[in-house]
PDB file of N, CA and C in Angstrom:
ATOM      1  N   MET A   1      33.894  82.936  25.847  1.00  0.00           N
ATOM      2  CA  MET A   1      32.257  82.847  26.304  1.00  0.00           C
ATOM      3  C   MET A   1      31.961  81.495  26.657  1.00  0.00           C
ATOM      4  N   ASN A   2      31.587  80.384  26.989  1.00  0.00           N
ATOM      5  CA  ASN A   2      30.999  79.336  27.094  1.00  0.00           C
ATOM      6  C   ASN A   2      29.683  79.060  27.295  1.00  0.00           C
ATOM      7  N   ASP A   3      28.885  78.601  26.272  1.00  0.00           N
ATOM      8  CA  ASP A   3      27.242  78.667  26.200  1.00  0.00           C
ATOM      9  C   ASP A   3      27.204  77.477  26.751  1.00  0.00           C
ATOM     10  N   HIS A   4      26.066  76.996  27.324  1.00  0.00           N
ATOM     11  CA  HIS A   4      25.836  76.102  28.184  1.00  0.00           C
ATOM     12  C   HIS A   4      24.610  75.722  27.431  1.00  0.00           C
ATOM     13  N   THR A   5      23.801  76.759  26.657  1.00  0.00           N
ATOM     14  CA  THR A   5      22.182  76.736  25.812  1.00  0.00           C
ATOM     15  C   THR A   5      22.178  74.964  25.373  1.00  0.00           C
ATOM     16  N   PRO A   6      20.923  74.013  25.740  1.00  0.00           N
ATOM     17  CA  PRO A   6      20.839  73.029  25.119  1.00  0.00           C
ATOM     18  C   PRO A   6      20.930  73.348  23.383  1.00  0.00           C
ATOM     19  N   GLY A   7      21.362  72.678  22.751  1.00  0.00           N
ATOM     20  CA  GLY A   7      21.827  72.558  21.609  1.00  0.00           C
ATOM     21  C   GLY A   7      22.786  73.331  21.275  1.00  0.00           C
ATOM     22  N   HIS A   8      23.593  74.233  21.806  1.00  0.00           N
ATOM     23  CA  HIS A   8      24.428  75.331  21.754  1.00  0.00           C
ATOM     24  C   HIS A   8      26.245  74.142  20.459  1.00  0.00           C
ATOM     25  N   GLU A   9      25.739  73.017  21.346  1.00  0.00           N
ATOM     26  CA  GLU A   9      27.275  71.882  20.733  1.00  0.00           C
ATOM     27  C   GLU A   9      26.832  71.941  19.160  1.00  0.00           C
ATOM     28  N   LEU A  10      25.584  71.792  19.161  1.00  0.00           N
ATOM     29  CA  LEU A  10      25.095  70.833  17.860  1.00  0.00           C
ATOM     30  C   LEU A  10      24.862  71.987  16.945  1.00  0.00           C
ATOM     31  N   GLY A  11      25.088  73.338  17.363  1.00  0.00           N
ATOM     32  CA  GLY A  11      24.885  74.348  16.483  1.00  0.00           C
ATOM     33  C   GLY A  11      23.405  75.073  16.147  1.00  0.00           C
ATOM     34  N   ILE A  12      22.698  74.569  16.801  1.00  0.00           N
ATOM     35  CA  ILE A  12      21.188  74.661  17.114  1.00  0.00           C
ATOM     36  C   ILE A  12      20.856  75.635  18.137  1.00  0.00           C
ATOM     37  N   VAL A  13      19.969  76.920  17.265  1.00  0.00           N
ATOM     38  CA  VAL A  13      19.395  78.102  17.959  1.00  0.00           C
ATOM     39  C   VAL A  13      17.686  78.458  18.269  1.00  0.00           C
ATOM     40  N   ARG A  14      17.405  78.753  19.031  1.00  0.00           N
ATOM     41  CA  ARG A  14      15.938  78.848  19.298  1.00  0.00           C
ATOM     42  C   ARG A  14      15.810  80.202  18.909  1.00  0.00           C
ATOM     43  N   GLY A  15      14.821  80.896  18.442  1.00  0.00           N
ATOM     44  CA  GLY A  15      14.439  82.010  18.085  1.00  0.00           C
ATOM     45  C   GLY A  15      14.716  82.547  17.066  1.00  0.00           C
ATOM     46  N   LEU A  16      15.594  81.757  16.180  1.00  0.00           N
ATOM     47  CA  LEU A  16      15.729  83.072  14.836  1.00  0.00           C
ATOM     48  C   LEU A  16      14.690  82.670  14.340  1.00  0.00           C
ATOM     49  N   HIS A  17      14.571  83.998  13.370  1.00  0.00           N
ATOM     50  CA  HIS A  17      13.586  84.986  12.652  1.00  0.00           C
ATOM     51  C   HIS A  17      13.760  84.395  11.276  1.00  0.00           C
ATOM     52  N   GLY A  18      12.487  84.181  10.441  1.00  0.00           N
ATOM     53  CA  GLY A  18      11.758  83.078   9.262  1.00  0.00           C
ATOM     54  C   GLY A  18      11.855  81.801   9.130  1.00  0.00           C
ATOM     55  N   ALA A  19      10.964  81.982   8.409  1.00  0.00           N
ATOM     56  CA  ALA A  19      10.529  80.781   8.141  1.00  0.00           C
ATOM     57  C   ALA A  19      11.737  79.664   7.589  1.00  0.00           C
ATOM     58  N   ARG A  20      12.207  78.516   8.569  1.00  0.00           N
ATOM     59  CA  ARG A  20      13.302  77.666   8.731  1.00  0.00           C
ATOM     60  C   ARG A  20      12.275  76.680   7.663  1.00  0.00           C
ATOM     61  N   GLU A  21      13.001  75.840   6.819  1.00  0.00           N
ATOM     62  CA  GLU A  21      12.161  74.877   5.693  1.00  0.00           C
ATOM     63  C   GLU A  21      11.991  73.367   6.298  1.00  0.00           C
ATOM     64  N   GLY A  22      10.690  72.750   6.585  1.00  0.00           N
ATOM     65  CA  GLY A  22      10.658  71.757   7.201  1.00  0.00           C
ATOM     66  C   GLY A  22      10.462  71.661   8.749  1.00  0.00           C
ATOM     67  N   MET A  23      10.525  72.943   9.357  1.00  0.00           N
ATOM     68  CA  MET A  23      10.338  73.605  11.022  1.00  0.00           C
ATOM     69  C   MET A  23       9.118  74.762  11.143  1.00  0.00           C
ATOM     70  N   ASN A  24       8.980  74.803  12.543  1.00  0.00           N
ATOM     71  CA  ASN A  24       8.188  75.115  12.715  1.00  0.00           C
ATOM     72  C   ASN A  24       8.956  76.357  13.929  1.00  0.00           C
ATOM     73  N   PRO A  25       8.675  77.888  14.054  1.00  0.00           N
ATOM     74  CA  PRO A  25       9.220  78.770  14.885  1.00  0.00           C
ATOM     75  C   PRO A  25       9.542  78.514  16.322  1.00  0.00           C
ATOM     76  N   GLY A  26       9.199  77.099  16.296  1.00  0.00           N
ATOM     77  CA  GLY A  26       9.720  76.898  18.756  1.00  0.00           C
ATOM     78  C   GLY A  26      10.464  75.683  17.850  1.00  0.00           C
ATOM     79  N   ASP A  27      10.759  75.045  17.134  1.00  0.00           N
ATOM     80  CA  ASP A  27      11.671  73.864  16.606  1.00  0.00           C
ATOM     81  C   ASP A  27      13.342  74.966  17.054  1.00  0.00           C
ATOM     82  N   GLU A  28      14.165  73.807  17.796  1.00  0.00           N
ATOM     83  CA  GLU A  28      15.291  73.676  17.453  1.00  0.00           C
ATOM     84  C   GLU A  28      16.461  73.253  16.350  1.00  0.00           C
ATOM     85  N   ALA A  29      15.407  72.696  15.651  1.00  0.00           N
ATOM     86  CA  ALA A  29      16.197  72.074  15.104  1.00  0.00           C
ATOM     87  C   ALA A  29      15.327  71.078  14.019  1.00  0.00           C
ATOM     88  N   PRO A  30      15.808  70.973  12.495  1.00  0.00           N
ATOM     89  CA  PRO A  30      14.531  69.992  11.527  1.00  0.00           C
ATOM     90  C   PRO A  30      14.486  69.011  12.407  1.00  0.00           C
ATOM     91  N   PRO A  31      13.193  67.740  12.229  1.00  0.00           N
ATOM     92  CA  PRO A  31      13.464  66.921  12.314  1.00  0.00           C
ATOM     93  C   PRO A  31      14.105  65.439  11.801  1.00  0.00           C
ATOM     94  N   GLY A  32      14.413  64.458  12.735  1.00  0.00           N
ATOM     95  CA  GLY A  32      15.565  63.854  12.326  1.00  0.00           C
ATOM     96  C   GLY A  32      16.961  63.818  12.695  1.00  0.00           C
ATOM     97  N   THR A  33      17.396  65.263  12.963  1.00  0.00           N
ATOM     98  CA  THR A  33      18.648  65.713  13.638  1.00  0.00           C
ATOM     99  C   THR A  33      18.812  64.934  14.629  1.00  0.00           C
ATOM    100  N   PRO A  34      19.974  64.312  14.547  1.00  0.00           N
ATOM    101  CA  PRO A  34      20.885  63.454  15.956  1.00  0.00           C
ATOM    102  C   PRO A  34      20.564  64.677  17.332  1.00  0.00           C
ATOM    103  N   ASP A  35      20.220  63.746  17.922  1.00  0.00           N
ATOM    104  CA  ASP A  35      20.191  64.388  19.412  1.00  0.00           C
ATOM    105  C   ASP A  35      19.054  65.225  19.457  1.00  0.00           C
ATOM    106  N   THR A  36      18.377  65.519  18.845  1.00  0.00           N
ATOM    107  CA  THR A  36      16.730  66.086  19.147  1.00  0.00           C
ATOM    108  C   THR A  36      15.937  65.067  19.295  1.00  0.00           C
ATOM    109  N   GLY A  37      14.998  65.317  19.662  1.00  0.00           N
ATOM    110  CA  GLY A  37      13.108  65.003  19.607  1.00  0.00           C
ATOM    111  C   GLY A  37      12.647  65.784  19.865  1.00  0.00           C
ATOM    112  N   GLU A  38      11.690  65.141  19.817  1.00  0.00           N
ATOM    113  CA  GLU A  38      10.205  65.802  19.666  1.00  0.00           C
ATOM    114  C   GLU A  38       9.996  66.329  21.642  1.00  0.00           C
ATOM    115  N   ASN A  39       9.093  67.573  21.922  1.00  0.00           N
ATOM    116  CA  ASN A  39       8.449  67.918  23.302  1.00  0.00           C
ATOM    117  C   ASN A  39       7.423  67.995  22.972  1.00  0.00           C
ATOM    118  N   ILE A  40       6.846  68.349  23.911  1.00  0.00           N
ATOM    119  CA  ILE A  40       5.340  69.326  23.992  1.00  0.00           C
ATOM    120  C   ILE A  40       5.346  70.392  23.634  1.00  0.00           C
ATOM    121  N   CYS A  41       5.002  71.455  22.780  1.00  0.00           N
ATOM    122  CA  CYS A  41       5.560  72.939  22.857  1.00  0.00           C
ATOM    123  C   CYS A  41       4.479  73.245  24.244  1.00  0.00           C
ATOM    124  N   PRO A  42       5.429  74.612  24.639  1.00  0.00           N
ATOM    125  CA  PRO A  42       5.127  75.193  26.027  1.00  0.00           C
ATOM    126  C   PRO A  42       4.135  76.037  25.837  1.00  0.00           C
ATOM    127  N   ASP A  43       3.915  77.009  24.724  1.00  0.00           N
ATOM    128  CA  ASP A  43       2.955  77.753  24.440  1.00  0.00           C
ATOM    129  C   ASP A  43       1.621  77.112  24.205  1.00  0.00           C
ATOM    130  N   CYS A  44       1.269  76.219  23.894  1.00  0.00           N
ATOM    131  CA  CYS A  44      -0.069  75.606  23.688  1.00  0.00           C
ATOM    132  C   CYS A  44      -0.098  74.219  24.815  1.00  0.00           C
ATOM    133  N   GLY A  45       1.242  73.813  25.436  1.00  0.00           N
ATOM    134  CA  GLY A  45       0.215  72.540  26.104  1.00  0.00           C
ATOM    135  C   GLY A  45      -0.101  70.944  24.866  1.00  0.00           C
ATOM    136  N   GLY A  46       0.399  71.676  24.096  1.00  0.00           N
ATOM    137  CA  GLY A  46       0.475  70.300  22.847  1.00  0.00           C
ATOM    138  C   GLY A  46      -1.085  69.652  22.175  1.00  0.00           C
ATOM    139  N   THR A  47      -1.707  71.257  22.140  1.00  0.00           N
ATOM    140  CA  THR A  47      -3.037  71.201  22.015  1.00  0.00           C
ATOM    141  C   THR A  47      -2.979  71.615  20.757  1.00  0.00           C
ATOM    142  N   GLY A  48      -1.650  72.218  20.479  1.00  0.00           N
ATOM    143  CA  GLY A  48      -1.703  72.319  19.174  1.00  0.00           C
ATOM    144  C   GLY A  48      -2.794  73.947  18.476  1.00  0.00           C
ATOM    145  N   ARG A  49      -3.329  74.569  19.468  1.00  0.00           N
ATOM    146  CA  ARG A  49      -4.108  76.052  19.683  1.00  0.00           C
ATOM    147  C   ARG A  49      -3.911  76.895  20.734  1.00  0.00           C
ATOM    148  N   ARG A  50      -3.862  77.722  19.857  1.00  0.00           N
ATOM    149  CA  ARG A  50      -3.715  78.553  21.602  1.00  0.00           C
ATOM    150  C   ARG A  50      -4.388  79.927  21.001  1.00  0.00           C
ATOM    151  N   ALA A  51      -5.350  81.051  22.084  1.00  0.00           N
ATOM    152  CA  ALA A  51      -5.956  81.900  21.713  1.00  0.00           C
ATOM    153  C   ALA A  51      -6.908  82.137  20.412  1.00  0.00           C
ATOM    154  N   GLY A  52      -7.627  80.777  20.826  1.00  0.00           N
ATOM    155  CA  GLY A  52      -8.725  80.697  19.798  1.00  0.00           C
ATOM    156  C   GLY A  52      -7.841  80.175  18.247  1.00  0.00           C
ATOM    157  N   GLY A  53      -6.783  80.127  17.559  1.00  0.00           N
ATOM    158  CA  GLY A  53      -6.182  79.600  16.716  1.00  0.00           C
ATOM    159  C   GLY A  53      -5.251  78.507  16.821  1.00  0.00           C
ATOM    160  N   GLU A  54      -4.375  78.285  15.559  1.00  0.00           N
ATOM    161  CA  GLU A  54      -3.210  77.920  15.278  1.00  0.00           C
ATOM    162  C   GLU A  54      -2.301  78.850  16.223  1.00  0.00           C
ATOM    163  N   CYS A  55      -1.743  77.292  16.952  1.00  0.00           N
ATOM    164  CA  CYS A  55      -0.666  78.008  18.286  1.00  0.00           C
ATOM    165  C   CYS A  55       0.993  78.250  16.681  1.00  0.00           C
ATOM    166  N   PRO A  56       1.390  79.476  17.250  1.00  0.00           N
ATOM    167  CA  PRO A  56       2.018  79.774  16.303  1.00  0.00           C
ATOM    168  C   PRO A  56       3.850  79.304  16.660  1.00  0.00           C
ATOM    169  N   THR A  57       4.022  78.838  17.824  1.00  0.00           N
ATOM    170  CA  THR A  57       5.003  78.017  17.844  1.00  0.00           C
ATOM    171  C   THR A  57       5.454  76.659  17.409  1.00  0.00           C
ATOM    172  N   CYS A  58       4.061  76.242  17.067  1.00  0.00           N
ATOM    173  CA  CYS A  58       4.794  74.714  16.842  1.00  0.00           C
ATOM    174  C   CYS A  58       3.822  74.222  15.776  1.00  0.00           C
ATOM    175  N   GLY A  59       3.327  75.521  15.356  1.00  0.00           N
ATOM    176  CA  GLY A  59       2.569  75.513  13.710  1.00  0.00           C
ATOM    177  C   GLY A  59       1.630  75.102  14.244  1.00  0.00           C
ATOM    178  N   GLY A  60       0.818  74.600  15.570  1.00  0.00           N
ATOM    179  CA  GLY A  60      -0.523  74.002  14.818  1.00  0.00           C
ATOM    180  C   GLY A  60      -0.411  72.223  15.263  1.00  0.00           C
ATOM    181  N   THR A  61       0.843  71.350  15.770  1.00  0.00           N
ATOM    182  CA  THR A  61       1.220  69.837  15.059  1.00  0.00           C
ATOM    183  C   THR A  61       0.931  69.953  17.494  1.00  0.00           C
ATOM    184  N   GLY A  62       1.056  71.061  18.168  1.00  0.00           N
ATOM    185  CA  GLY A  62       1.446  70.341  19.535  1.00  0.00           C
ATOM    186  C   GLY A  62       2.423  70.383  20.503  1.00  0.00           C
ATOM    187  N   LYS A  63       3.588  70.262  18.655  1.00  0.00           N
ATOM    188  CA  LYS A  63       4.636  69.708  19.564  1.00  0.00           C
ATOM    189  C   LYS A  63       6.108  69.964  18.706  1.00  0.00           C
ATOM    190  N   ILE A  64       7.008  70.258  19.095  1.00  0.00           N
ATOM    191  CA  ILE A  64       8.518  71.059  19.124  1.00  0.00           C
ATOM    192  C   ILE A  64       9.547  70.065  18.900  1.00  0.00           C
ATOM    193  N   ILE A  65      10.638  70.408  18.003  1.00  0.00           N
ATOM    194  CA  ILE A  65      12.270  69.471  17.858  1.00  0.00           C
ATOM    195  C   ILE A  65      12.862  70.490  18.715  1.00  0.00           C
ATOM    196  N   GLU A  66      13.199  69.733  20.107  1.00  0.00           N
ATOM    197  CA  GLU A  66      14.843  70.273  20.684  1.00  0.00           C
ATOM    198  C   GLU A  66      15.421  68.954  20.624  1.00  0.00           C
ATOM    199  N   ALA A  67      16.458  69.799  21.464  1.00  0.00           N
ATOM    200  CA  ALA A  67      18.168  69.249  21.753  1.00  0.00           C
ATOM    201  C   ALA A  67      17.341  67.813  22.502  1.00  0.00           C
ATOM    202  N   ILE A  68      18.313  67.132  22.940  1.00  0.00           N
ATOM    203  CA  ILE A  68      18.145  66.026  23.992  1.00  0.00           C
ATOM    204  C   ILE A  68      19.858  66.057  24.508  1.00  0.00           C
ATOM    205  N   GLY A  69      19.706  65.637  25.540  1.00  0.00           N
ATOM    206  CA  GLY A  69      21.225  64.961  26.663  1.00  0.00           C
ATOM    207  C   GLY A  69      21.629  66.143  27.363  1.00  0.00           C
ATOM    208  N   GLY A  70      22.867  66.602  27.376  1.00  0.00           N
ATOM    209  CA  GLY A  70      23.524  67.962  28.054  1.00  0.00           C
ATOM    210  C   GLY A  70      24.794  66.815  28.263  1.00  0.00           C
ATOM    211  N   ALA A  71      25.130  66.060  27.462  1.00  0.00           N
ATOM    212  CA  ALA A  71      26.344  65.700  27.805  1.00  0.00           C
ATOM    213  C   ALA A  71      27.367  66.846  27.828  1.00  0.00           C
ATOM    214  N   GLY A  72      27.686  67.189  28.284  1.00  0.00           N
ATOM    215  CA  GLY A  72      29.386  67.710  27.593  1.00  0.00           C
ATOM    216  C   GLY A  72      30.101  68.169  28.583  1.00  0.00           C
TER     217      GLY A  72
END
């Protein structure tokens, strides 16, 4: 099976359960990982807030780390 999910070639997977050191739940990889970059959190629109509290996806930062590029 050929998976063309962004980040697949880097071994990056979105939606892993449990906390990962230095990462928020919406992050695909730790900050500074090659071929990744910051993007606005899709769930809070970059505000860091959702439903009257801290956005659980970005941990209140308003940003997520995701794979960039797409060559391959």
